[in-house]
PDB file of N, CA and C in Angstrom:
ATOM      1  N   GLU A   1     -23.054  12.636  12.117  1.00  0.00           N
ATOM      2  CA  GLU A   1     -23.906  12.457  13.527  1.00  0.00           C
ATOM      3  C   GLU A   1     -24.098  13.335  14.266  1.00  0.00           C
ATOM      4  N   GLN A   2     -23.195  14.769  14.639  1.00  0.00           N
ATOM      5  CA  GLN A   2     -23.451  15.875  15.109  1.00  0.00           C
ATOM      6  C   GLN A   2     -24.358  16.016  15.106  1.00  0.00           C
ATOM      7  N   GLU A   3     -24.604  15.743  13.810  1.00  0.00           N
ATOM      8  CA  GLU A   3     -25.958  17.122  12.885  1.00  0.00           C
ATOM      9  C   GLU A   3     -26.964  16.030  12.871  1.00  0.00           C
ATOM     10  N   GLU A   4     -26.978  14.398  13.041  1.00  0.00           N
ATOM     11  CA  GLU A   4     -27.971  14.341  13.192  1.00  0.00           C
ATOM     12  C   GLU A   4     -28.464  14.280  14.564  1.00  0.00           C
ATOM     13  N   ALA A   5     -27.557  13.841  16.014  1.00  0.00           N
ATOM     14  CA  ALA A   5     -27.574  14.239  17.507  1.00  0.00           C
ATOM     15  C   ALA A   5     -28.616  15.566  17.757  1.00  0.00           C
ATOM     16  N   ARG A   6     -27.712  16.474  16.807  1.00  0.00           N
ATOM     17  CA  ARG A   6     -28.637  18.652  16.791  1.00  0.00           C
ATOM     18  C   ARG A   6     -29.892  18.304  15.859  1.00  0.00           C
ATOM     19  N   LEU A   7     -30.039  16.934  15.245  1.00  0.00           N
ATOM     20  CA  LEU A   7     -31.561  16.764  14.466  1.00  0.00           C
ATOM     21  C   LEU A   7     -32.469  16.411  15.833  1.00  0.00           C
ATOM     22  N   LYS A   8     -32.225  15.354  16.256  1.00  0.00           N
ATOM     23  CA  LYS A   8     -33.107  14.536  17.296  1.00  0.00           C
ATOM     24  C   LYS A   8     -33.458  15.493  18.386  1.00  0.00           C
ATOM     25  N   GLU A   9     -32.483  16.081  18.871  1.00  0.00           N
ATOM     26  CA  GLU A   9     -32.363  17.573  20.080  1.00  0.00           C
ATOM     27  C   GLU A   9     -33.885  18.523  19.614  1.00  0.00           C
ATOM     28  N   GLU A  10     -33.589  18.676  18.635  1.00  0.00           N
ATOM     29  CA  GLU A  10     -34.579  19.640  17.821  1.00  0.00           C
ATOM     30  C   GLU A  10     -36.218  19.129  17.810  1.00  0.00           C
ATOM     31  N   GLU A  11     -36.106  17.403  17.217  1.00  0.00           N
ATOM     32  CA  GLU A  11     -36.887  16.961  17.064  1.00  0.00           C
ATOM     33  C   GLU A  11     -37.821  16.687  18.454  1.00  0.00           C
ATOM     34  N   PHE A  12     -36.976  16.276  19.212  1.00  0.00           N
ATOM     35  CA  PHE A  12     -37.305  16.430  20.421  1.00  0.00           C
ATOM     36  C   PHE A  12     -37.717  17.384  21.424  1.00  0.00           C
ATOM     37  N   LYS A  13     -37.022  18.648  20.812  1.00  0.00           N
ATOM     38  CA  LYS A  13     -37.508  20.031  21.592  1.00  0.00           C
ATOM     39  C   LYS A  13     -39.558  20.267  20.795  1.00  0.00           C
ATOM     40  N   LEU A  14     -39.329  19.763  20.087  1.00  0.00           N
ATOM     41  CA  LEU A  14     -40.604  20.246  19.034  1.00  0.00           C
ATOM     42  C   LEU A  14     -41.352  19.728  19.118  1.00  0.00           C
ATOM     43  N   ASN A  15     -41.836  18.105  19.679  1.00  0.00           N
ATOM     44  CA  ASN A  15     -42.740  17.433  19.790  1.00  0.00           C
ATOM     45  C   ASN A  15     -42.932  17.587  21.598  1.00  0.00           C
ATOM     46  N   ARG A  16     -42.282  18.194  22.023  1.00  0.00           N
ATOM     47  CA  ARG A  16     -42.524  18.915  23.880  1.00  0.00           C
ATOM     48  C   ARG A  16     -42.909  20.132  23.406  1.00  0.00           C
ATOM     49  N   ALA A  17     -42.753  21.250  22.719  1.00  0.00           N
ATOM     50  CA  ALA A  17     -43.515  21.871  22.245  1.00  0.00           C
ATOM     51  C   ALA A  17     -44.715  21.297  21.659  1.00  0.00           C
ATOM     52  N   ARG A  18     -44.758  20.701  21.453  1.00  0.00           N
ATOM     53  CA  ARG A  18     -46.331  19.892  20.546  1.00  0.00           C
ATOM     54  C   ARG A  18     -47.407  19.705  21.745  1.00  0.00           C
ATOM     55  N   GLU A  19     -46.384  18.995  22.781  1.00  0.00           N
ATOM     56  CA  GLU A  19     -47.565  17.678  23.379  1.00  0.00           C
ATOM     57  C   GLU A  19     -47.955  19.485  24.456  1.00  0.00           C
ATOM     58  N   GLU A  20     -46.733  20.330  24.822  1.00  0.00           N
ATOM     59  CA  GLU A  20     -47.512  21.855  25.430  1.00  0.00           C
ATOM     60  C   GLU A  20     -48.946  22.564  25.178  1.00  0.00           C
ATOM     61  N   ILE A  21     -48.302  22.814  23.510  1.00  0.00           N
ATOM     62  CA  ILE A  21     -49.256  23.411  22.918  1.00  0.00           C
ATOM     63  C   ILE A  21     -51.082  22.032  23.102  1.00  0.00           C
ATOM     64  N   ALA A  22     -50.430  21.016  23.219  1.00  0.00           N
ATOM     65  CA  ALA A  22     -51.741  19.856  23.343  1.00  0.00           C
ATOM     66  C   ALA A  22     -52.484  20.071  24.197  1.00  0.00           C
ATOM     67  N   LEU A  23     -51.670  20.154  25.536  1.00  0.00           N
ATOM     68  CA  LEU A  23     -52.125  20.101  26.685  1.00  0.00           C
ATOM     69  C   LEU A  23     -53.140  21.795  27.552  1.00  0.00           C
ATOM     70  N   LEU A  24     -51.965  22.988  26.695  1.00  0.00           N
ATOM     71  CA  LEU A  24     -52.783  24.413  26.805  1.00  0.00           C
ATOM     72  C   LEU A  24     -53.513  24.384  26.267  1.00  0.00           C
ATOM     73  N   LYS A  25     -54.532  23.931  25.005  1.00  0.00           N
ATOM     74  CA  LYS A  25     -55.634  23.575  24.345  1.00  0.00           C
ATOM     75  C   LYS A  25     -56.395  22.982  24.890  1.00  0.00           C
ATOM     76  N   ALA A  26     -56.283  21.783  25.374  1.00  0.00           N
ATOM     77  CA  ALA A  26     -57.331  20.948  26.213  1.00  0.00           C
ATOM     78  C   ALA A  26     -57.239  22.271  27.516  1.00  0.00           C
ATOM     79  N   GLU A  27     -56.392  22.626  28.076  1.00  0.00           N
ATOM     80  CA  GLU A  27     -57.148  23.105  29.568  1.00  0.00           C
ATOM     81  C   GLU A  27     -57.673  24.319  28.995  1.00  0.00           C
ATOM     82  N   ALA A  28     -57.306  25.352  27.970  1.00  0.00           N
ATOM     83  CA  ALA A  28     -58.165  26.300  27.444  1.00  0.00           C
ATOM     84  C   ALA A  28     -59.203  25.762  27.217  1.00  0.00           C
ATOM     85  N   HIS A  29     -59.766  24.460  26.604  1.00  0.00           N
ATOM     86  CA  HIS A  29     -61.180  23.555  26.503  1.00  0.00           C
ATOM     87  C   HIS A  29     -62.098  24.082  27.847  1.00  0.00           C
ATOM     88  N   LYS A  30     -61.413  22.929  28.515  1.00  0.00           N
ATOM     89  CA  LYS A  30     -62.323  22.715  30.080  1.00  0.00           C
ATOM     90  C   LYS A  30     -62.165  23.710  30.208  1.00  0.00           C
ATOM     91  N   GLU A  31     -61.648  25.151  30.511  1.00  0.00           N
ATOM     92  CA  GLU A  31     -61.975  26.693  30.853  1.00  0.00           C
ATOM     93  C   GLU A  31     -63.161  26.962  30.441  1.00  0.00           C
ATOM     94  N   THR A  32     -63.224  27.055  29.026  1.00  0.00           N
ATOM     95  CA  THR A  32     -63.974  27.042  28.209  1.00  0.00           C
ATOM     96  C   THR A  32     -65.502  26.678  27.969  1.00  0.00           C
ATOM     97  N   GLU A  33     -65.595  25.624  28.854  1.00  0.00           N
ATOM     98  CA  GLU A  33     -66.542  24.553  28.850  1.00  0.00           C
ATOM     99  C   GLU A  33     -66.991  25.105  30.181  1.00  0.00           C
ATOM    100  N   ARG A  34     -65.581  24.894  31.274  1.00  0.00           N
ATOM    101  CA  ARG A  34     -66.503  25.389  32.428  1.00  0.00           C
ATOM    102  C   ARG A  34     -67.130  27.308  32.865  1.00  0.00           C
ATOM    103  N   ILE A  35     -66.390  27.889  31.684  1.00  0.00           N
ATOM    104  CA  ILE A  35     -67.502  29.179  31.592  1.00  0.00           C
ATOM    105  C   ILE A  35     -68.647  29.290  30.935  1.00  0.00           C
ATOM    106  N   LYS A  36     -68.839  28.008  29.966  1.00  0.00           N
ATOM    107  CA  LYS A  36     -69.905  28.099  28.834  1.00  0.00           C
ATOM    108  C   LYS A  36     -70.890  27.940  30.003  1.00  0.00           C
ATOM    109  N   GLU A  37     -70.647  26.458  31.018  1.00  0.00           N
ATOM    110  CA  GLU A  37     -71.840  26.542  31.951  1.00  0.00           C
ATOM    111  C   GLU A  37     -72.061  27.038  33.794  1.00  0.00           C
ATOM    112  N   GLU A  38     -71.470  27.715  33.929  1.00  0.00           N
ATOM    113  CA  GLU A  38     -71.421  29.153  34.706  1.00  0.00           C
ATOM    114  C   GLU A  38     -72.375  30.414  33.898  1.00  0.00           C
ATOM    115  N   ALA A  39     -72.020  30.795  33.019  1.00  0.00           N
ATOM    116  CA  ALA A  39     -72.820  31.658  32.220  1.00  0.00           C
ATOM    117  C   ALA A  39     -74.113  30.915  31.840  1.00  0.00           C
ATOM    118  N   GLN A  40     -74.409  29.854  31.875  1.00  0.00           N
ATOM    119  CA  GLN A  40     -75.936  29.422  31.661  1.00  0.00           C
ATOM    120  C   GLN A  40     -76.685  28.850  32.918  1.00  0.00           C
ATOM    121  N   LYS A  41     -76.344  28.890  33.873  1.00  0.00           N
ATOM    122  CA  LYS A  41     -77.033  28.856  35.740  1.00  0.00           C
ATOM    123  C   LYS A  41     -76.528  30.429  35.881  1.00  0.00           C
ATOM    124  N   GLU A  42     -75.852  31.315  34.996  1.00  0.00           N
ATOM    125  CA  GLU A  42     -76.435  32.545  35.613  1.00  0.00           C
ATOM    126  C   GLU A  42     -76.967  33.069  34.632  1.00  0.00           C
ATOM    127  N   GLU A  43     -78.024  32.785  33.604  1.00  0.00           N
ATOM    128  CA  GLU A  43     -79.168  32.789  32.748  1.00  0.00           C
ATOM    129  C   GLU A  43     -80.252  32.343  33.291  1.00  0.00           C
ATOM    130  N   MET A  44     -79.772  31.693  33.372  1.00  0.00           N
ATOM    131  CA  MET A  44     -81.319  30.397  34.176  1.00  0.00           C
ATOM    132  C   MET A  44     -81.573  30.867  35.685  1.00  0.00           C
ATOM    133  N   MET A  45     -80.451  31.457  36.865  1.00  0.00           N
ATOM    134  CA  MET A  45     -80.875  32.340  37.380  1.00  0.00           C
ATOM    135  C   MET A  45     -81.176  34.262  37.841  1.00  0.00           C
ATOM    136  N   LEU A  46     -81.041  34.376  36.336  1.00  0.00           N
ATOM    137  CA  LEU A  46     -81.653  35.639  35.824  1.00  0.00           C
ATOM    138  C   LEU A  46     -82.468  35.755  35.619  1.00  0.00           C
ATOM    139  N   ASN A  47     -82.887  34.456  34.404  1.00  0.00           N
ATOM    140  CA  ASN A  47     -84.783  34.264  34.068  1.00  0.00           C
ATOM    141  C   ASN A  47     -85.671  33.950  34.848  1.00  0.00           C
ATOM    142  N   GLN A  48     -84.828  33.108  36.233  1.00  0.00           N
ATOM    143  CA  GLN A  48     -86.035  33.199  36.708  1.00  0.00           C
ATOM    144  C   GLN A  48     -85.931  34.886  38.196  1.00  0.00           C
ATOM    145  N   THR A  49     -84.630  34.899  37.968  1.00  0.00           N
ATOM    146  CA  THR A  49     -85.465  36.627  39.020  1.00  0.00           C
ATOM    147  C   THR A  49     -86.395  37.477  38.071  1.00  0.00           C
ATOM    148  N   LYS A  50     -86.526  37.626  36.721  1.00  0.00           N
ATOM    149  CA  LYS A  50     -87.005  38.400  35.779  1.00  0.00           C
ATOM    150  C   LYS A  50     -88.385  37.333  36.087  1.00  0.00           C
ATOM    151  N   ALA A  51     -88.461  36.174  36.168  1.00  0.00           N
ATOM    152  CA  ALA A  51     -89.831  35.963  36.864  1.00  0.00           C
ATOM    153  C   ALA A  51     -90.221  36.387  37.914  1.00  0.00           C
ATOM    154  N   GLU A  52     -89.506  35.792  38.649  1.00  0.00           N
ATOM    155  CA  GLU A  52     -90.087  36.431  40.099  1.00  0.00           C
ATOM    156  C   GLU A  52     -90.787  37.856  39.990  1.00  0.00           C
ATOM    157  N   VAL A  53     -89.686  39.005  39.201  1.00  0.00           N
ATOM    158  CA  VAL A  53     -90.178  40.360  39.748  1.00  0.00           C
ATOM    159  C   VAL A  53     -91.057  40.478  38.944  1.00  0.00           C
ATOM    160  N   GLU A  54     -91.902  39.737  37.252  1.00  0.00           N
ATOM    161  CA  GLU A  54     -92.671  39.731  37.232  1.00  0.00           C
ATOM    162  C   GLU A  54     -93.838  39.312  37.727  1.00  0.00           C
ATOM    163  N   ARG A  55     -93.804  38.268  38.675  1.00  0.00           N
ATOM    164  CA  ARG A  55     -95.058  38.191  39.390  1.00  0.00           C
ATOM    165  C   ARG A  55     -95.210  39.253  40.259  1.00  0.00           C
ATOM    166  N   LEU A  56     -94.304  39.311  40.841  1.00  0.00           N
ATOM    167  CA  LEU A  56     -94.176  40.328  42.218  1.00  0.00           C
ATOM    168  C   LEU A  56     -94.923  41.371  41.839  1.00  0.00           C
ATOM    169  N   ARG A  57     -94.643  42.192  40.438  1.00  0.00           N
ATOM    170  CA  ARG A  57     -95.013  43.003  39.468  1.00  0.00           C
ATOM    171  C   ARG A  57     -96.883  43.531  40.127  1.00  0.00           C
ATOM    172  N   LYS A  58     -97.242  41.731  38.998  1.00  0.00           N
ATOM    173  CA  LYS A  58     -98.245  41.835  39.072  1.00  0.00           C
ATOM    174  C   LYS A  58     -99.512  41.807  40.386  1.00  0.00           C
ATOM    175  N   GLU A  59     -98.613  40.935  41.383  1.00  0.00           N
ATOM    176  CA  GLU A  59     -99.372  41.051  42.002  1.00  0.00           C
ATOM    177  C   GLU A  59     -98.873  42.174  43.085  1.00  0.00           C
ATOM    178  N   ALA A  60     -98.589  43.327  42.755  1.00  0.00           N
ATOM    179  CA  ALA A  60     -98.766  44.469  43.603  1.00  0.00           C
ATOM    180  C   ALA A  60     -99.757  45.416  42.943  1.00  0.00           C
ATOM    181  N   LEU A  61     -99.540  45.317  41.275  1.00  0.00           N
ATOM    182  CA  LEU A  61    -100.893  45.751  40.502  1.00  0.00           C
ATOM    183  C   LEU A  61    -102.143  45.296  41.231  1.00  0.00           C
ATOM    184  N   GLN A  62    -102.878  43.973  41.305  1.00  0.00           N
ATOM    185  CA  GLN A  62    -103.851  43.095  42.182  1.00  0.00           C
ATOM    186  C   GLN A  62    -104.214  44.263  43.428  1.00  0.00           C
ATOM    187  N   GLU A  63    -102.947  44.290  44.041  1.00  0.00           N
ATOM    188  CA  GLU A  63    -103.014  44.650  45.313  1.00  0.00           C
ATOM    189  C   GLU A  63    -103.548  46.083  45.568  1.00  0.00           C
ATOM    190  N   GLN A  64    -102.975  46.695  44.437  1.00  0.00           N
ATOM    191  CA  GLN A  64    -103.061  48.620  44.523  1.00  0.00           C
ATOM    192  C   GLN A  64    -104.979  48.293  43.424  1.00  0.00           C
ATOM    193  N   ASP A  65    -105.219  47.202  42.466  1.00  0.00           N
ATOM    194  CA  ASP A  65    -106.540  47.598  42.425  1.00  0.00           C
ATOM    195  C   ASP A  65    -107.033  47.046  43.696  1.00  0.00           C
ATOM    196  N   ARG A  66    -107.434  46.235  44.670  1.00  0.00           N
ATOM    197  CA  ARG A  66    -108.127  46.141  45.724  1.00  0.00           C
ATOM    198  C   ARG A  66    -107.594  46.911  46.325  1.00  0.00           C
ATOM    199  N   LEU A  67    -107.079  47.759  46.757  1.00  0.00           N
ATOM    200  CA  LEU A  67    -106.806  49.187  47.510  1.00  0.00           C
ATOM    201  C   LEU A  67    -107.427  50.431  47.019  1.00  0.00           C
ATOM    202  N   ASN A  68    -107.628  50.367  45.552  1.00  0.00           N
ATOM    203  CA  ASN A  68    -108.243  51.004  44.482  1.00  0.00           C
ATOM    204  C   ASN A  68    -110.139  51.187  45.374  1.00  0.00           C
ATOM    205  N   GLN A  69    -110.046  50.203  45.176  1.00  0.00           N
ATOM    206  CA  GLN A  69    -111.773  49.395  45.192  1.00  0.00           C
ATOM    207  C   GLN A  69    -112.380  49.365  46.790  1.00  0.00           C
ATOM    208  N   THR A  70    -110.769  49.557  47.548  1.00  0.00           N
ATOM    209  CA  THR A  70    -111.398  49.743  49.081  1.00  0.00           C
ATOM    210  C   THR A  70    -111.513  51.091  49.798  1.00  0.00           C
ATOM    211  N   LYS A  71    -110.585  52.140  48.664  1.00  0.00           N
ATOM    212  CA  LYS A  71    -110.655  53.027  49.082  1.00  0.00           C
ATOM    213  C   LYS A  71    -112.446  53.847  48.089  1.00  0.00           C
ATOM    214  N   GLN A  72    -112.825  53.322  47.106  1.00  0.00           N
ATOM    215  CA  GLN A  72    -113.873  53.615  46.169  1.00  0.00           C
ATOM    216  C   GLN A  72    -115.216  53.534  47.421  1.00  0.00           C
ATOM    217  N   GLU A  73    -114.843  51.636  48.099  1.00  0.00           N
ATOM    218  CA  GLU A  73    -116.151  51.648  48.871  1.00  0.00           C
ATOM    219  C   GLU A  73    -115.979  52.277  49.957  1.00  0.00           C
ATOM    220  N   ILE A  74    -115.159  52.964  50.241  1.00  0.00           N
ATOM    221  CA  ILE A  74    -115.250  53.677  51.500  1.00  0.00           C
ATOM    222  C   ILE A  74    -115.439  55.106  51.579  1.00  0.00           C
ATOM    223  N   SER A  75    -115.803  55.248  50.452  1.00  0.00           N
ATOM    224  CA  SER A  75    -115.613  57.138  50.218  1.00  0.00           C
ATOM    225  C   SER A  75    -117.414  56.852  49.371  1.00  0.00           C
ATOM    226  N   ARG A  76    -118.269  55.484  49.131  1.00  0.00           N
ATOM    227  CA  ARG A  76    -119.538  55.558  48.788  1.00  0.00           C
ATOM    228  C   ARG A  76    -119.709  55.837  50.428  1.00  0.00           C
ATOM    229  N   LEU A  77    -119.891  54.513  51.063  1.00  0.00           N
ATOM    230  CA  LEU A  77    -120.333  54.250  52.359  1.00  0.00           C
ATOM    231  C   LEU A  77    -119.760  55.883  53.418  1.00  0.00           C
ATOM    232  N   GLN A  78    -118.930  56.782  52.959  1.00  0.00           N
ATOM    233  CA  GLN A  78    -118.798  58.114  53.900  1.00  0.00           C
ATOM    234  C   GLN A  78    -120.340  58.620  52.859  1.00  0.00           C
ATOM    235  N   GLN A  79    -120.390  59.062  51.566  1.00  0.00           N
ATOM    236  CA  GLN A  79    -121.392  59.468  50.969  1.00  0.00           C
ATOM    237  C   GLN A  79    -122.643  59.188  51.335  1.00  0.00           C
ATOM    238  N   LYS A  80    -122.784  57.904  51.610  1.00  0.00           N
ATOM    239  CA  LYS A  80    -124.200  57.599  52.033  1.00  0.00           C
ATOM    240  C   LYS A  80    -124.639  58.073  53.502  1.00  0.00           C
ATOM    241  N   GLU A  81    -123.663  57.687  54.302  1.00  0.00           N
ATOM    242  CA  GLU A  81    -123.438  58.156  55.433  1.00  0.00           C
ATOM    243  C   GLU A  81    -124.169  60.081  55.695  1.00  0.00           C
ATOM    244  N   ILE A  82    -123.645  60.250  55.200  1.00  0.00           N
ATOM    245  CA  ILE A  82    -123.753  61.681  54.727  1.00  0.00           C
ATOM    246  C   ILE A  82    -125.239  62.140  54.219  1.00  0.00           C
ATOM    247  N   ALA A  83    -125.446  61.895  53.533  1.00  0.00           N
ATOM    248  CA  ALA A  83    -126.691  61.453  53.165  1.00  0.00           C
ATOM    249  C   ALA A  83    -128.004  61.610  53.955  1.00  0.00           C
ATOM    250  N   ARG A  84    -127.614  60.536  54.381  1.00  0.00           N
ATOM    251  CA  ARG A  84    -128.190  59.936  55.755  1.00  0.00           C
ATOM    252  C   ARG A  84    -128.133  61.216  56.822  1.00  0.00           C
ATOM    253  N   VAL A  85    -127.291  61.591  57.343  1.00  0.00           N
ATOM    254  CA  VAL A  85    -127.218  62.678  58.290  1.00  0.00           C
ATOM    255  C   VAL A  85    -127.860  63.748  57.719  1.00  0.00           C
ATOM    256  N   ILE A  86    -127.629  64.009  56.658  1.00  0.00           N
ATOM    257  CA  ILE A  86    -128.031  65.515  56.079  1.00  0.00           C
ATOM    258  C   ILE A  86    -129.790  65.244  55.854  1.00  0.00           C
ATOM    259  N   LYS A  87    -129.989  64.035  55.251  1.00  0.00           N
ATOM    260  CA  LYS A  87    -131.892  63.786  55.653  1.00  0.00           C
ATOM    261  C   LYS A  87    -132.761  63.305  57.117  1.00  0.00           C
ATOM    262  N   GLN A  88    -131.326  62.945  57.902  1.00  0.00           N
ATOM    263  CA  GLN A  88    -132.104  62.843  58.950  1.00  0.00           C
ATOM    264  C   GLN A  88    -131.859  64.683  60.061  1.00  0.00           C
ATOM    265  N   GLN A  89    -130.866  65.462  59.547  1.00  0.00           N
ATOM    266  CA  GLN A  89    -131.495  66.768  60.604  1.00  0.00           C
ATOM    267  C   GLN A  89    -132.542  67.632  59.378  1.00  0.00           C
ATOM    268  N   GLU A  90    -132.772  67.180  58.273  1.00  0.00           N
ATOM    269  CA  GLU A  90    -133.847  67.681  57.434  1.00  0.00           C
ATOM    270  C   GLU A  90    -135.342  67.436  58.439  1.00  0.00           C
ATOM    271  N   GLU A  91    -134.693  66.011  58.050  1.00  0.00           N
ATOM    272  CA  GLU A  91    -136.625  65.405  59.036  1.00  0.00           C
ATOM    273  C   GLU A  91    -136.617  66.104  60.499  1.00  0.00           C
ATOM    274  N   THR A  92    -135.535  66.487  61.315  1.00  0.00           N
ATOM    275  CA  THR A  92    -135.837  66.452  62.928  1.00  0.00           C
ATOM    276  C   THR A  92    -136.202  67.997  62.533  1.00  0.00           C
ATOM    277  N   GLY A  93    -135.427  68.939  61.515  1.00  0.00           N
ATOM    278  CA  GLY A  93    -135.632  70.325  61.323  1.00  0.00           C
ATOM    279  C   GLY A  93    -137.050  70.276  60.508  1.00  0.00           C
ATOM    280  N   LEU A  94    -137.817  69.644  60.250  1.00  0.00           N
ATOM    281  CA  LEU A  94    -139.433  69.525  59.432  1.00  0.00           C
ATOM    282  C   LEU A  94    -139.962  69.771  60.703  1.00  0.00           C
ATOM    283  N   LYS A  95    -139.481  68.351  62.087  1.00  0.00           N
ATOM    284  CA  LYS A  95    -140.459  68.637  62.887  1.00  0.00           C
ATOM    285  C   LYS A  95    -140.288  69.404  63.959  1.00  0.00           C
ATOM    286  N   GLN A  96    -139.045  70.004  64.091  1.00  0.00           N
ATOM    287  CA  GLN A  96    -139.052  70.928  65.086  1.00  0.00           C
ATOM    288  C   GLN A  96    -140.163  72.642  64.573  1.00  0.00           C
ATOM    289  N   VAL A  97    -140.077  72.710  63.326  1.00  0.00           N
ATOM    290  CA  VAL A  97    -140.435  73.699  62.545  1.00  0.00           C
ATOM    291  C   VAL A  97    -142.309  73.327  62.826  1.00  0.00           C
ATOM    292  N   GLU A  98    -142.214  71.512  62.217  1.00  0.00           N
ATOM    293  CA  GLU A  98    -144.034  71.147  62.902  1.00  0.00           C
ATOM    294  C   GLU A  98    -144.721  71.968  64.247  1.00  0.00           C
ATOM    295  N   ALA A  99    -143.294  71.628  64.864  1.00  0.00           N
ATOM    296  CA  ALA A  99    -143.966  71.619  66.484  1.00  0.00           C
ATOM    297  C   ALA A  99    -143.880  73.148  66.944  1.00  0.00           C
ATOM    298  N   GLU A 100    -143.474  73.985  66.131  1.00  0.00           N
ATOM    299  CA  GLU A 100    -143.347  75.805  66.612  1.00  0.00           C
ATOM    300  C   GLU A 100    -144.387  75.860  65.444  1.00  0.00           C
ATOM    301  N   LYS A 101    -145.437  75.196  65.002  1.00  0.00           N
ATOM    302  CA  LYS A 101    -146.201  75.590  63.894  1.00  0.00           C
ATOM    303  C   LYS A 101    -147.289  75.407  64.841  1.00  0.00           C
ATOM    304  N   GLU A 102    -147.693  74.775  65.782  1.00  0.00           N
ATOM    305  CA  GLU A 102    -148.573  73.467  66.519  1.00  0.00           C
ATOM    306  C   GLU A 102    -148.581  74.681  67.666  1.00  0.00           C
ATOM    307  N   GLU A 103    -146.914  74.885  68.422  1.00  0.00           N
ATOM    308  CA  GLU A 103    -146.957  75.546  69.704  1.00  0.00           C
ATOM    309  C   GLU A 103    -147.714  77.176  69.553  1.00  0.00           C
ATOM    310  N   PHE A 104    -147.459  77.296  68.437  1.00  0.00           N
ATOM    311  CA  PHE A 104    -147.909  78.821  67.578  1.00  0.00           C
ATOM    312  C   PHE A 104    -149.700  78.494  67.396  1.00  0.00           C
ATOM    313  N   LYS A 105    -149.633  78.004  66.742  1.00  0.00           N
ATOM    314  CA  LYS A 105    -151.639  77.706  66.474  1.00  0.00           C
ATOM    315  C   LYS A 105    -152.229  77.523  68.263  1.00  0.00           C
ATOM    316  N   LEU A 106    -151.316  76.861  69.081  1.00  0.00           N
ATOM    317  CA  LEU A 106    -151.739  76.598  70.800  1.00  0.00           C
ATOM    318  C   LEU A 106    -152.087  78.300  71.108  1.00  0.00           C
ATOM    319  N   LYS A 107    -151.427  79.298  70.721  1.00  0.00           N
ATOM    320  CA  LYS A 107    -151.270  80.566  71.669  1.00  0.00           C
ATOM    321  C   LYS A 107    -152.183  81.143  70.688  1.00  0.00           C
ATOM    322  N   GLN A 108    -152.503  81.409  69.629  1.00  0.00           N
ATOM    323  CA  GLN A 108    -153.487  81.740  69.595  1.00  0.00           C
ATOM    324  C   GLN A 108    -154.714  81.970  69.799  1.00  0.00           C
TER     325      GLN A 108
END
């Protein structure tokens, strides 16, 4: 009888331990699923961030291209203006030389 009582007590302890293990497994599974979901959300946010960085990089490259084109256009216009001023100065100089020649002829 004592042996039977001891066996029942051991069986009871064993069943309690099995229940505890099952609860711990269920809790671990639940925590694992929560961590997986959190990791998926983090990965999705990371992918969105990567896409945004790529979009901004492309936008910056386009802006740099526009800036370079504007600089080239400014340089072209400056060269054109310099050429116009030089031509005007040459024409003014030629007119002055012609006027001086006429004045010299009149004095002769």
